[in-house]
Amino acid sequence: MKIETGAEIKKEAVIDNIKKIINQTYKLLPNREEAIDWETPLKTIIEELSGMDILLNEYHSILFPLLCKMQGLFSFQNDEDYLDYRRCIFECLNLLTSLKEAIATCQD
């Protein structure tokens, strides 16, 4: 698949990267539950997705709401916000799965 820079990237490489981000996103749940730093890994995920948003223009309709939700996770700081945090994580995971499936079905 051709990315914004004009480079040809195998879609399998993009899919593998999305799978890695899915795993990192899922890991945010136990990190928060166990009072382990979840904000630093979240910042890293957002950086990767921001770069992906620049390189994969045709997937803005998925990446933009995903980035918005990821950024919004920082607003859930209190213990009573945990259920909202958890809900938002699963919404992000659904968007990541949609992105992975969209890329898997694209024509090279």
PDB file of N, CA and C in Angstrom:
ATOM      1  N   MET A   1       0.844  -1.171   0.000  1.00  0.00           N
ATOM      2  CA  MET A   1       0.000   0.000   0.000  1.00  0.00           C
ATOM      3  C   MET A   1       0.887   1.230   0.000  1.00  0.00           C
ATOM      4  N   LYS A   2       0.412   2.278  -0.633  1.00  0.00           N
ATOM      5  CA  LYS A   2       1.189   3.502  -0.740  1.00  0.00           C
ATOM      6  C   LYS A   2       0.788   4.432   0.393  1.00  0.00           C
ATOM      7  N   ILE A   3       1.794   4.963   1.122  1.00  0.00           N
ATOM      8  CA  ILE A   3       1.518   5.899   2.204  1.00  0.00           C
ATOM      9  C   ILE A   3       1.750   7.325   1.713  1.00  0.00           C
ATOM     10  N   GLU A   4       1.420   8.292   2.536  1.00  0.00           N
ATOM     11  CA  GLU A   4       1.455   9.702   2.160  1.00  0.00           C
ATOM     12  C   GLU A   4       2.811  10.151   1.608  1.00  0.00           C
ATOM     13  N   THR A   5       3.904   9.599   2.105  1.00  0.00           N
ATOM     14  CA  THR A   5       5.237   9.993   1.635  1.00  0.00           C
ATOM     15  C   THR A   5       5.533   9.456   0.245  1.00  0.00           C
ATOM     16  N   GLY A   6       4.685   8.572  -0.260  1.00  0.00           N
ATOM     17  CA  GLY A   6       4.901   7.953  -1.559  1.00  0.00           C
ATOM     18  C   GLY A   6       5.569   6.591  -1.464  1.00  0.00           C
ATOM     19  N   ALA A   7       6.014   6.234  -0.284  1.00  0.00           N
ATOM     20  CA  ALA A   7       6.658   4.935  -0.088  1.00  0.00           C
ATOM     21  C   ALA A   7       5.630   3.812  -0.179  1.00  0.00           C
ATOM     22  N   GLU A   8       6.093   2.676  -0.633  1.00  0.00           N
ATOM     23  CA  GLU A   8       5.255   1.477  -0.682  1.00  0.00           C
ATOM     24  C   GLU A   8       5.538   0.658   0.583  1.00  0.00           C
ATOM     25  N   ILE A   9       4.509   0.409   1.356  1.00  0.00           N
ATOM     26  CA  ILE A   9       4.612  -0.376   2.579  1.00  0.00           C
ATOM     27  C   ILE A   9       3.691  -1.581   2.441  1.00  0.00           C
ATOM     28  N   LYS A  10       4.190  -2.737   2.833  1.00  0.00           N
ATOM     29  CA  LYS A  10       3.329  -3.921   2.801  1.00  0.00           C
ATOM     30  C   LYS A  10       2.226  -3.737   3.835  1.00  0.00           C
ATOM     31  N   LYS A  11       1.007  -4.023   3.433  1.00  0.00           N
ATOM     32  CA  LYS A  11      -0.103  -3.828   4.368  1.00  0.00           C
ATOM     33  C   LYS A  11       0.011  -4.755   5.572  1.00  0.00           C
ATOM     34  N   GLU A  12       0.700  -5.877   5.424  1.00  0.00           N
ATOM     35  CA  GLU A  12       0.910  -6.782   6.554  1.00  0.00           C
ATOM     36  C   GLU A  12       1.733  -6.093   7.648  1.00  0.00           C
ATOM     37  N   ALA A  13       2.678  -5.237   7.244  1.00  0.00           N
ATOM     38  CA  ALA A  13       3.485  -4.504   8.222  1.00  0.00           C
ATOM     39  C   ALA A  13       2.609  -3.508   8.988  1.00  0.00           C
ATOM     40  N   VAL A  14       1.691  -2.881   8.294  1.00  0.00           N
ATOM     41  CA  VAL A  14       0.773  -1.934   8.944  1.00  0.00           C
ATOM     42  C   VAL A  14      -0.163  -2.685   9.882  1.00  0.00           C
ATOM     43  N   ILE A  15      -0.669  -3.810   9.425  1.00  0.00           N
ATOM     44  CA  ILE A  15      -1.568  -4.626  10.252  1.00  0.00           C
ATOM     45  C   ILE A  15      -0.843  -5.116  11.505  1.00  0.00           C
ATOM     46  N   ASP A  16       0.397  -5.553  11.348  1.00  0.00           N
ATOM     47  CA  ASP A  16       1.177  -5.999  12.515  1.00  0.00           C
ATOM     48  C   ASP A  16       1.369  -4.850  13.507  1.00  0.00           C
ATOM     49  N   ASN A  17       1.597  -3.662  13.005  1.00  0.00           N
ATOM     50  CA  ASN A  17       1.751  -2.504  13.878  1.00  0.00           C
ATOM     51  C   ASN A  17       0.443  -2.216  14.617  1.00  0.00           C
ATOM     52  N   ILE A  18      -0.666  -2.326  13.938  1.00  0.00           N
ATOM     53  CA  ILE A  18      -1.965  -2.096  14.583  1.00  0.00           C
ATOM     54  C   ILE A  18      -2.222  -3.157  15.649  1.00  0.00           C
ATOM     55  N   LYS A  19      -1.854  -4.402  15.374  1.00  0.00           N
ATOM     56  CA  LYS A  19      -2.002  -5.464  16.377  1.00  0.00           C
ATOM     57  C   LYS A  19      -1.196  -5.133  17.627  1.00  0.00           C
ATOM     58  N   LYS A  20       0.005  -4.608  17.444  1.00  0.00           N
ATOM     59  CA  LYS A  20       0.848  -4.208  18.574  1.00  0.00           C
ATOM     60  C   LYS A  20       0.169  -3.089  19.373  1.00  0.00           C
ATOM     61  N   ILE A  21      -0.414  -2.132  18.661  1.00  0.00           N
ATOM     62  CA  ILE A  21      -1.108  -1.028  19.339  1.00  0.00           C
ATOM     63  C   ILE A  21      -2.347  -1.540  20.070  1.00  0.00           C
ATOM     64  N   ILE A  22      -3.038  -2.504  19.495  1.00  0.00           N
ATOM     65  CA  ILE A  22      -4.193  -3.112  20.170  1.00  0.00           C
ATOM     66  C   ILE A  22      -3.743  -3.722  21.499  1.00  0.00           C
ATOM     67  N   ASN A  23      -2.655  -4.477  21.473  1.00  0.00           N
ATOM     68  CA  ASN A  23      -2.151  -5.090  22.701  1.00  0.00           C
ATOM     69  C   ASN A  23      -1.731  -4.039  23.724  1.00  0.00           C
ATOM     70  N   GLN A  24      -1.066  -2.988  23.269  1.00  0.00           N
ATOM     71  CA  GLN A  24      -0.646  -1.913  24.172  1.00  0.00           C
ATOM     72  C   GLN A  24      -1.859  -1.208  24.774  1.00  0.00           C
ATOM     73  N   THR A  25      -2.897  -1.028  23.981  1.00  0.00           N
ATOM     74  CA  THR A  25      -4.110  -0.361  24.457  1.00  0.00           C
ATOM     75  C   THR A  25      -4.813  -1.227  25.492  1.00  0.00           C
ATOM     76  N   TYR A  26      -4.930  -2.511  25.204  1.00  0.00           N
ATOM     77  CA  TYR A  26      -5.563  -3.414  26.159  1.00  0.00           C
ATOM     78  C   TYR A  26      -4.815  -3.427  27.491  1.00  0.00           C
ATOM     79  N   LYS A  27      -3.488  -3.346  27.425  1.00  0.00           N
ATOM     80  CA  LYS A  27      -2.665  -3.372  28.633  1.00  0.00           C
ATOM     81  C   LYS A  27      -2.885  -2.134  29.517  1.00  0.00           C
ATOM     82  N   LEU A  28      -3.461  -1.081  28.971  1.00  0.00           N
ATOM     83  CA  LEU A  28      -3.743   0.111  29.777  1.00  0.00           C
ATOM     84  C   LEU A  28      -4.725  -0.197  30.913  1.00  0.00           C
ATOM     85  N   LEU A  29      -5.609  -1.177  30.699  1.00  0.00           N
ATOM     86  CA  LEU A  29      -6.587  -1.535  31.737  1.00  0.00           C
ATOM     87  C   LEU A  29      -5.921  -2.101  32.989  1.00  0.00           C
ATOM     88  N   PRO A  30      -5.135  -3.176  32.881  1.00  0.00           N
ATOM     89  CA  PRO A  30      -4.505  -3.686  34.110  1.00  0.00           C
ATOM     90  C   PRO A  30      -3.506  -2.695  34.708  1.00  0.00           C
ATOM     91  N   ASN A  31      -2.858  -1.912  33.871  1.00  0.00           N
ATOM     92  CA  ASN A  31      -1.939  -0.902  34.421  1.00  0.00           C
ATOM     93  C   ASN A  31      -2.681   0.054  35.343  1.00  0.00           C
ATOM     94  N   ARG A  32      -3.820   0.510  34.889  1.00  0.00           N
ATOM     95  CA  ARG A  32      -4.592   1.448  35.723  1.00  0.00           C
ATOM     96  C   ARG A  32      -5.107   0.746  36.983  1.00  0.00           C
ATOM     97  N   GLU A  33      -5.612  -0.482  36.826  1.00  0.00           N
ATOM     98  CA  GLU A  33      -6.140  -1.232  37.971  1.00  0.00           C
ATOM     99  C   GLU A  33      -5.068  -1.481  39.029  1.00  0.00           C
ATOM    100  N   GLU A  34      -3.839  -1.714  38.589  1.00  0.00           N
ATOM    101  CA  GLU A  34      -2.754  -2.041  39.505  1.00  0.00           C
ATOM    102  C   GLU A  34      -1.925  -0.811  39.889  1.00  0.00           C
ATOM    103  N   ALA A  35      -2.430   0.374  39.557  1.00  0.00           N
ATOM    104  CA  ALA A  35      -1.763   1.645  39.870  1.00  0.00           C
ATOM    105  C   ALA A  35      -0.355   1.725  39.272  1.00  0.00           C
ATOM    106  N   ILE A  36      -0.203   1.143  38.083  1.00  0.00           N
ATOM    107  CA  ILE A  36       1.041   1.239  37.318  1.00  0.00           C
ATOM    108  C   ILE A  36       0.851   2.386  36.324  1.00  0.00           C
ATOM    109  N   ASP A  37       1.936   3.059  35.989  1.00  0.00           N
ATOM    110  CA  ASP A  37       1.859   4.175  35.038  1.00  0.00           C
ATOM    111  C   ASP A  37       1.154   3.753  33.755  1.00  0.00           C
ATOM    112  N   TRP A  38       0.026   4.356  33.488  1.00  0.00           N
ATOM    113  CA  TRP A  38      -0.707   4.097  32.247  1.00  0.00           C
ATOM    114  C   TRP A  38      -0.642   5.303  31.329  1.00  0.00           C
ATOM    115  N   GLU A  39      -0.269   6.461  31.866  1.00  0.00           N
ATOM    116  CA  GLU A  39      -0.264   7.677  31.056  1.00  0.00           C
ATOM    117  C   GLU A  39       0.903   7.714  30.063  1.00  0.00           C
ATOM    118  N   THR A  40       2.074   7.271  30.486  1.00  0.00           N
ATOM    119  CA  THR A  40       3.222   7.267  29.570  1.00  0.00           C
ATOM    120  C   THR A  40       2.988   6.329  28.384  1.00  0.00           C
ATOM    121  N   PRO A  41       2.535   5.076  28.622  1.00  0.00           N
ATOM    122  CA  PRO A  41       2.237   4.222  27.460  1.00  0.00           C
ATOM    123  C   PRO A  41       1.128   4.805  26.573  1.00  0.00           C
ATOM    124  N   LEU A  42       0.151   5.470  27.189  1.00  0.00           N
ATOM    125  CA  LEU A  42      -0.921   6.087  26.402  1.00  0.00           C
ATOM    126  C   LEU A  42      -0.354   7.189  25.509  1.00  0.00           C
ATOM    127  N   LYS A  43       0.554   7.982  26.033  1.00  0.00           N
ATOM    128  CA  LYS A  43       1.189   9.033  25.218  1.00  0.00           C
ATOM    129  C   LYS A  43       1.922   8.423  24.027  1.00  0.00           C
ATOM    130  N   THR A  44       2.596   7.300  24.250  1.00  0.00           N
ATOM    131  CA  THR A  44       3.311   6.621  23.165  1.00  0.00           C
ATOM    132  C   THR A  44       2.336   6.123  22.101  1.00  0.00           C
ATOM    133  N   ILE A  45       1.216   5.556  22.528  1.00  0.00           N
ATOM    134  CA  ILE A  45       0.196   5.079  21.586  1.00  0.00           C
ATOM    135  C   ILE A  45      -0.335   6.249  20.756  1.00  0.00           C
ATOM    136  N   ILE A  46      -0.614   7.363  21.419  1.00  0.00           N
ATOM    137  CA  ILE A  46      -1.133   8.542  20.712  1.00  0.00           C
ATOM    138  C   ILE A  46      -0.110   9.052  19.700  1.00  0.00           C
ATOM    139  N   GLU A  47       1.165   9.055  20.066  1.00  0.00           N
ATOM    140  CA  GLU A  47       2.210   9.478  19.120  1.00  0.00           C
ATOM    141  C   GLU A  47       2.223   8.591  17.880  1.00  0.00           C
ATOM    142  N   GLU A  48       2.141   7.284  18.091  1.00  0.00           N
ATOM    143  CA  GLU A  48       2.141   6.359  16.955  1.00  0.00           C
ATOM    144  C   GLU A  48       0.912   6.556  16.074  1.00  0.00           C
ATOM    145  N   LEU A  49      -0.236   6.703  16.700  1.00  0.00           N
ATOM    146  CA  LEU A  49      -1.458   6.891  15.926  1.00  0.00           C
ATOM    147  C   LEU A  49      -1.464   8.235  15.198  1.00  0.00           C
ATOM    148  N   SER A  50      -0.873   9.251  15.805  1.00  0.00           N
ATOM    149  CA  SER A  50      -0.770  10.560  15.140  1.00  0.00           C
ATOM    150  C   SER A  50       0.084  10.453  13.886  1.00  0.00           C
ATOM    151  N   GLY A  51       1.189   9.725  13.997  1.00  0.00           N
ATOM    152  CA  GLY A  51       2.028   9.497  12.824  1.00  0.00           C
ATOM    153  C   GLY A  51       1.306   8.690  11.764  1.00  0.00           C
ATOM    154  N   MET A  52       0.568   7.693  12.202  1.00  0.00           N
ATOM    155  CA  MET A  52      -0.202   6.871  11.274  1.00  0.00           C
ATOM    156  C   MET A  52      -1.264   7.712  10.570  1.00  0.00           C
ATOM    157  N   ASP A  53      -1.863   8.644  11.311  1.00  0.00           N
ATOM    158  CA  ASP A  53      -2.887   9.521  10.735  1.00  0.00           C
ATOM    159  C   ASP A  53      -2.294  10.383   9.619  1.00  0.00           C
ATOM    160  N   ILE A  54      -1.049  10.799   9.789  1.00  0.00           N
ATOM    161  CA  ILE A  54      -0.388  11.603   8.764  1.00  0.00           C
ATOM    162  C   ILE A  54      -0.064  10.750   7.534  1.00  0.00           C
ATOM    163  N   LEU A  55       0.366   9.516   7.767  1.00  0.00           N
ATOM    164  CA  LEU A  55       0.810   8.658   6.670  1.00  0.00           C
ATOM    165  C   LEU A  55      -0.328   7.948   5.939  1.00  0.00           C
ATOM    166  N   LEU A  56      -1.430   7.739   6.613  1.00  0.00           N
ATOM    167  CA  LEU A  56      -2.542   6.988   6.016  1.00  0.00           C
ATOM    168  C   LEU A  56      -3.772   7.887   5.888  1.00  0.00           C
ATOM    169  N   ASN A  57      -3.701   8.843   4.977  1.00  0.00           N
ATOM    170  CA  ASN A  57      -4.779   9.826   4.797  1.00  0.00           C
ATOM    171  C   ASN A  57      -6.155   9.209   4.608  1.00  0.00           C
ATOM    172  N   GLU A  58      -6.223   8.116   3.902  1.00  0.00           N
ATOM    173  CA  GLU A  58      -7.528   7.555   3.563  1.00  0.00           C
ATOM    174  C   GLU A  58      -8.255   6.940   4.764  1.00  0.00           C
ATOM    175  N   TYR A  59      -7.579   6.857   5.909  1.00  0.00           N
ATOM    176  CA  TYR A  59      -8.198   6.261   7.095  1.00  0.00           C
ATOM    177  C   TYR A  59      -8.488   7.293   8.188  1.00  0.00           C
ATOM    178  N   HIS A  60      -8.540   8.573   7.804  1.00  0.00           N
ATOM    179  CA  HIS A  60      -8.826   9.638   8.773  1.00  0.00           C
ATOM    180  C   HIS A  60     -10.163   9.423   9.484  1.00  0.00           C
ATOM    181  N   SER A  61     -11.128   8.870   8.790  1.00  0.00           N
ATOM    182  CA  SER A  61     -12.460   8.711   9.387  1.00  0.00           C
ATOM    183  C   SER A  61     -12.452   7.742  10.575  1.00  0.00           C
ATOM    184  N   ILE A  62     -11.454   6.899  10.664  1.00  0.00           N
ATOM    185  CA  ILE A  62     -11.301   6.011  11.818  1.00  0.00           C
ATOM    186  C   ILE A  62     -10.264   6.583  12.787  1.00  0.00           C
ATOM    187  N   LEU A  63      -9.157   7.062  12.237  1.00  0.00           N
ATOM    188  CA  LEU A  63      -8.057   7.512  13.090  1.00  0.00           C
ATOM    189  C   LEU A  63      -8.396   8.764  13.892  1.00  0.00           C
ATOM    190  N   PHE A  64      -9.149   9.700  13.310  1.00  0.00           N
ATOM    191  CA  PHE A  64      -9.457  10.916  14.051  1.00  0.00           C
ATOM    192  C   PHE A  64     -10.298  10.640  15.296  1.00  0.00           C
ATOM    193  N   PRO A  65     -11.429   9.921  15.202  1.00  0.00           N
ATOM    194  CA  PRO A  65     -12.176   9.637  16.438  1.00  0.00           C
ATOM    195  C   PRO A  65     -11.377   8.772  17.417  1.00  0.00           C
ATOM    196  N   LEU A  66     -10.523   7.901  16.891  1.00  0.00           N
ATOM    197  CA  LEU A  66      -9.676   7.082  17.757  1.00  0.00           C
ATOM    198  C   LEU A  66      -8.718   7.971  18.550  1.00  0.00           C
ATOM    199  N   LEU A  67      -8.072   8.903  17.880  1.00  0.00           N
ATOM    200  CA  LEU A  67      -7.169   9.828  18.567  1.00  0.00           C
ATOM    201  C   LEU A  67      -7.913  10.683  19.585  1.00  0.00           C
ATOM    202  N   CYS A  68      -9.121  11.112  19.242  1.00  0.00           N
ATOM    203  CA  CYS A  68      -9.925  11.904  20.180  1.00  0.00           C
ATOM    204  C   CYS A  68     -10.228  11.099  21.444  1.00  0.00           C
ATOM    205  N   LYS A  69     -10.625   9.863  21.282  1.00  0.00           N
ATOM    206  CA  LYS A  69     -10.927   9.007  22.440  1.00  0.00           C
ATOM    207  C   LYS A  69      -9.669   8.727  23.259  1.00  0.00           C
ATOM    208  N   MET A  70      -8.571   8.443  22.580  1.00  0.00           N
ATOM    209  CA  MET A  70      -7.319   8.186  23.296  1.00  0.00           C
ATOM    210  C   MET A  70      -6.916   9.407  24.127  1.00  0.00           C
ATOM    211  N   GLN A  71      -6.999  10.576  23.533  1.00  0.00           N
ATOM    212  CA  GLN A  71      -6.651  11.795  24.259  1.00  0.00           C
ATOM    213  C   GLN A  71      -7.610  12.011  25.425  1.00  0.00           C
ATOM    214  N   GLY A  72      -8.868  11.675  25.217  1.00  0.00           N
ATOM    215  CA  GLY A  72      -9.879  11.835  26.259  1.00  0.00           C
ATOM    216  C   GLY A  72      -9.654  10.946  27.466  1.00  0.00           C
ATOM    217  N   LEU A  73      -8.915   9.862  27.307  1.00  0.00           N
ATOM    218  CA  LEU A  73      -8.635   8.963  28.433  1.00  0.00           C
ATOM    219  C   LEU A  73      -7.925   9.684  29.576  1.00  0.00           C
ATOM    220  N   PHE A  74      -7.153  10.709  29.258  1.00  0.00           N
ATOM    221  CA  PHE A  74      -6.445  11.464  30.297  1.00  0.00           C
ATOM    222  C   PHE A  74      -7.406  12.176  31.255  1.00  0.00           C
ATOM    223  N   SER A  75      -8.642  12.390  30.819  1.00  0.00           N
ATOM    224  CA  SER A  75      -9.605  13.101  31.682  1.00  0.00           C
ATOM    225  C   SER A  75     -10.188  12.195  32.769  1.00  0.00           C
ATOM    226  N   PHE A  76      -9.981  10.889  32.654  1.00  0.00           N
ATOM    227  CA  PHE A  76     -10.506   9.941  33.640  1.00  0.00           C
ATOM    228  C   PHE A  76      -9.444   9.640  34.694  1.00  0.00           C
ATOM    229  N   GLN A  77      -9.258  10.552  35.621  1.00  0.00           N
ATOM    230  CA  GLN A  77      -8.182  10.451  36.611  1.00  0.00           C
ATOM    231  C   GLN A  77      -8.629   9.869  37.946  1.00  0.00           C
ATOM    232  N   ASN A  78      -9.885   9.998  38.273  1.00  0.00           N
ATOM    233  CA  ASN A  78     -10.373   9.586  39.591  1.00  0.00           C
ATOM    234  C   ASN A  78     -10.834   8.134  39.589  1.00  0.00           C
ATOM    235  N   ASP A  79     -10.834   7.532  40.784  1.00  0.00           N
ATOM    236  CA  ASP A  79     -11.295   6.147  40.907  1.00  0.00           C
ATOM    237  C   ASP A  79     -12.730   5.981  40.427  1.00  0.00           C
ATOM    238  N   GLU A  80     -13.560   6.968  40.673  1.00  0.00           N
ATOM    239  CA  GLU A  80     -14.960   6.856  40.253  1.00  0.00           C
ATOM    240  C   GLU A  80     -15.122   6.992  38.736  1.00  0.00           C
ATOM    241  N   ASP A  81     -14.056   7.376  38.037  1.00  0.00           N
ATOM    242  CA  ASP A  81     -14.086   7.475  36.570  1.00  0.00           C
ATOM    243  C   ASP A  81     -13.683   6.167  35.888  1.00  0.00           C
ATOM    244  N   TYR A  82     -13.327   5.153  36.676  1.00  0.00           N
ATOM    245  CA  TYR A  82     -12.761   3.946  36.089  1.00  0.00           C
ATOM    246  C   TYR A  82     -13.696   3.275  35.078  1.00  0.00           C
ATOM    247  N   LEU A  83     -14.972   3.202  35.367  1.00  0.00           N
ATOM    248  CA  LEU A  83     -15.887   2.548  34.419  1.00  0.00           C
ATOM    249  C   LEU A  83     -15.945   3.298  33.088  1.00  0.00           C
ATOM    250  N   ASP A  84     -15.889   4.620  33.140  1.00  0.00           N
ATOM    251  CA  ASP A  84     -15.849   5.406  31.903  1.00  0.00           C
ATOM    252  C   ASP A  84     -14.528   5.186  31.161  1.00  0.00           C
ATOM    253  N   TYR A  85     -13.439   5.120  31.919  1.00  0.00           N
ATOM    254  CA  TYR A  85     -12.123   4.834  31.352  1.00  0.00           C
ATOM    255  C   TYR A  85     -12.163   3.473  30.645  1.00  0.00           C
ATOM    256  N   ARG A  86     -12.682   2.473  31.318  1.00  0.00           N
ATOM    257  CA  ARG A  86     -12.768   1.116  30.769  1.00  0.00           C
ATOM    258  C   ARG A  86     -13.631   1.090  29.505  1.00  0.00           C
ATOM    259  N   ARG A  87     -14.782   1.747  29.549  1.00  0.00           N
ATOM    260  CA  ARG A  87     -15.667   1.826  28.374  1.00  0.00           C
ATOM    261  C   ARG A  87     -14.935   2.456  27.196  1.00  0.00           C
ATOM    262  N   CYS A  88     -14.222   3.532  27.466  1.00  0.00           N
ATOM    263  CA  CYS A  88     -13.502   4.237  26.409  1.00  0.00           C
ATOM    264  C   CYS A  88     -12.378   3.369  25.824  1.00  0.00           C
ATOM    265  N   ILE A  89     -11.699   2.612  26.663  1.00  0.00           N
ATOM    266  CA  ILE A  89     -10.660   1.688  26.173  1.00  0.00           C
ATOM    267  C   ILE A  89     -11.273   0.700  25.183  1.00  0.00           C
ATOM    268  N   PHE A  90     -12.418   0.129  25.535  1.00  0.00           N
ATOM    269  CA  PHE A  90     -13.046  -0.848  24.640  1.00  0.00           C
ATOM    270  C   PHE A  90     -13.550  -0.191  23.357  1.00  0.00           C
ATOM    271  N   GLU A  91     -13.987   1.054  23.426  1.00  0.00           N
ATOM    272  CA  GLU A  91     -14.355   1.777  22.205  1.00  0.00           C
ATOM    273  C   GLU A  91     -13.124   1.977  21.319  1.00  0.00           C
ATOM    274  N   CYS A  92     -11.994   2.290  21.937  1.00  0.00           N
ATOM    275  CA  CYS A  92     -10.740   2.434  21.188  1.00  0.00           C
ATOM    276  C   CYS A  92     -10.341   1.105  20.550  1.00  0.00           C
ATOM    277  N   LEU A  93     -10.477   0.032  21.294  1.00  0.00           N
ATOM    278  CA  LEU A  93     -10.148  -1.286  20.756  1.00  0.00           C
ATOM    279  C   LEU A  93     -11.040  -1.628  19.565  1.00  0.00           C
ATOM    280  N   ASN A  94     -12.306  -1.271  19.626  1.00  0.00           N
ATOM    281  CA  ASN A  94     -13.209  -1.504  18.496  1.00  0.00           C
ATOM    282  C   ASN A  94     -12.777  -0.699  17.274  1.00  0.00           C
ATOM    283  N   LEU A  95     -12.391   0.564  17.487  1.00  0.00           N
ATOM    284  CA  LEU A  95     -11.927   1.389  16.373  1.00  0.00           C
ATOM    285  C   LEU A  95     -10.622   0.835  15.786  1.00  0.00           C
ATOM    286  N   LEU A  96      -9.722   0.379  16.634  1.00  0.00           N
ATOM    287  CA  LEU A  96      -8.475  -0.221  16.151  1.00  0.00           C
ATOM    288  C   LEU A  96      -8.748  -1.479  15.334  1.00  0.00           C
ATOM    289  N   THR A  97      -9.693  -2.281  15.773  1.00  0.00           N
ATOM    290  CA  THR A  97     -10.069  -3.481  15.022  1.00  0.00           C
ATOM    291  C   THR A  97     -10.676  -3.090  13.678  1.00  0.00           C
ATOM    292  N   SER A  98     -11.502  -2.062  13.663  1.00  0.00           N
ATOM    293  CA  SER A  98     -12.081  -1.566  12.401  1.00  0.00           C
ATOM    294  C   SER A  98     -10.988  -1.095  11.456  1.00  0.00           C
ATOM    295  N   LEU A  99      -9.998  -0.402  11.997  1.00  0.00           N
ATOM    296  CA  LEU A  99      -8.882   0.072  11.180  1.00  0.00           C
ATOM    297  C   LEU A  99      -8.102  -1.103  10.601  1.00  0.00           C
ATOM    298  N   LYS A 100      -7.822  -2.085  11.439  1.00  0.00           N
ATOM    299  CA  LYS A 100      -7.088  -3.277  10.990  1.00  0.00           C
ATOM    300  C   LYS A 100      -7.854  -3.980   9.867  1.00  0.00           C
ATOM    301  N   GLU A 101      -9.157  -4.125  10.030  1.00  0.00           N
ATOM    302  CA  GLU A 101      -9.972  -4.794   9.013  1.00  0.00           C
ATOM    303  C   GLU A 101     -10.044  -3.978   7.727  1.00  0.00           C
ATOM    304  N   ALA A 102     -10.132  -2.650   7.845  1.00  0.00           N
ATOM    305  CA  ALA A 102     -10.183  -1.800   6.658  1.00  0.00           C
ATOM    306  C   ALA A 102      -8.893  -1.905   5.863  1.00  0.00           C
ATOM    307  N   ILE A 103      -7.766  -1.913   6.555  1.00  0.00           N
ATOM    308  CA  ILE A 103      -6.482  -2.026   5.879  1.00  0.00           C
ATOM    309  C   ILE A 103      -6.319  -3.425   5.264  1.00  0.00           C
ATOM    310  N   ALA A 104      -6.792  -4.432   5.968  1.00  0.00           N
ATOM    311  CA  ALA A 104      -6.688  -5.809   5.450  1.00  0.00           C
ATOM    312  C   ALA A 104      -7.450  -5.975   4.133  1.00  0.00           C
ATOM    313  N   THR A 105      -8.521  -5.242   3.970  1.00  0.00           N
ATOM    314  CA  THR A 105      -9.332  -5.387   2.751  1.00  0.00           C
ATOM    315  C   THR A 105      -8.963  -4.396   1.657  1.00  0.00           C
ATOM    316  N   CYS A 106      -8.026  -3.499   1.915  1.00  0.00           N
ATOM    317  CA  CYS A 106      -7.653  -2.511   0.885  1.00  0.00           C
ATOM    318  C   CYS A 106      -6.874  -3.191  -0.219  1.00  0.00           C
ATOM    319  N   GLN A 107      -6.932  -2.595  -1.383  1.00  0.00           N
ATOM    320  CA  GLN A 107      -6.174  -3.093  -2.533  1.00  0.00           C
ATOM    321  C   GLN A 107      -4.768  -2.527  -2.468  1.00  0.00           C
ATOM    322  N   ASP A 108      -3.782  -3.354  -2.682  1.00  0.00           N
ATOM    323  CA  ASP A 108      -2.376  -2.878  -2.680  1.00  0.00           C
ATOM    324  C   ASP A 108      -2.093  -2.010  -3.875  1.00  0.00           C
TER     325      ASP A 108
END
